[in-house]
Amino acid sequence: MIDSHAHIQGEEFVQELEAVMDRARDAGVEKVIVVGGAGDLSSNEAAVELARSVPGLFATIGMHPHDAKDVGDLELAKLQVLVREPGVVAVGETGLDFYYDHSPRQLQVELFCRFIRMARETGLPLVVHNREADREVAELLRCEGKGEIRGVMHCFTGSYESAREFLELGFYLSFSGIITFKNAGPLREVVRRVPLDRILVETDSPYLAPVPHRGKRNEPAFVRFVAETVAKVRGMPLEEVSQATSLNAHTLFGV
């Protein structure tokens, strides 16, 4: 399996990263995409350093929409350098979050457009955060991406109709531990209906730990519970889901 989205470069893991990776490998997780952009520029630098130093880890470069108000030309110039470092396989996490609105919406839109253009320029896929902004995200991907980018809708929680729209734009859908939650029946129905060759699995560590670890710190080993839920919902063997989602991640990220 491949955990397609994890933030394991943070302080929650710094003291025991080796043990975390050992548990991941014991659970059958062979690779982890370490996602930059949560908090500040240092999360990107730390992601790149892990990709350099730990086999099986790969990095992404971006800034979360929550932090759009704090991103200026200096930060963007540094990201333009980091994105070309060895081991960097995607642009992101980036996008729009109209639920929390921690940054003004117009600043979120402007930053998202900058990262869409970065994906076009580098040829790297785009890791998209979307909350309560389906219409705006799809429109920007369509207009700014100009049909030239590919990527993944990280931690997808939308409807089947929005899933179809993002699939038509050429994007993958990544599902997290949320699909294991008791009240996630409608989302599990989306998992059942979308094509298997467009599904990724993720943890979003240290957040969104799946059942039976809900409420605890998440980690890459727990992506197995996400894959098991996909398999159960679709009536398929876990091995088939693991192989398919890993192939999808290989195809998208080139890892």
Foldseek 3Di string as FASTA:
>chain_A
DEAEEAACLDPVNPVPVVVLVVLQVVLVHQAYEHEAAPPALVSQVSLLVCLVPPPRYAYEAEHELLCLVVDDPVSVVVSLVSCPRPRYQAYDPAEAAPPVCSDPRVSSLVRRLVSLVVCLVVVHAYEYEDHPQLPVRLVSCVVSNVLRHEYEDEQDLDALVSVVSNVVSRYAYEHELVCQDPPSVRVLVSLQPDDLLRYAYHHHFQPNQHPPQPPGGHGNSSSLVVLVSSCVSNVHDSVVSVVNNVVSSCVRRVD
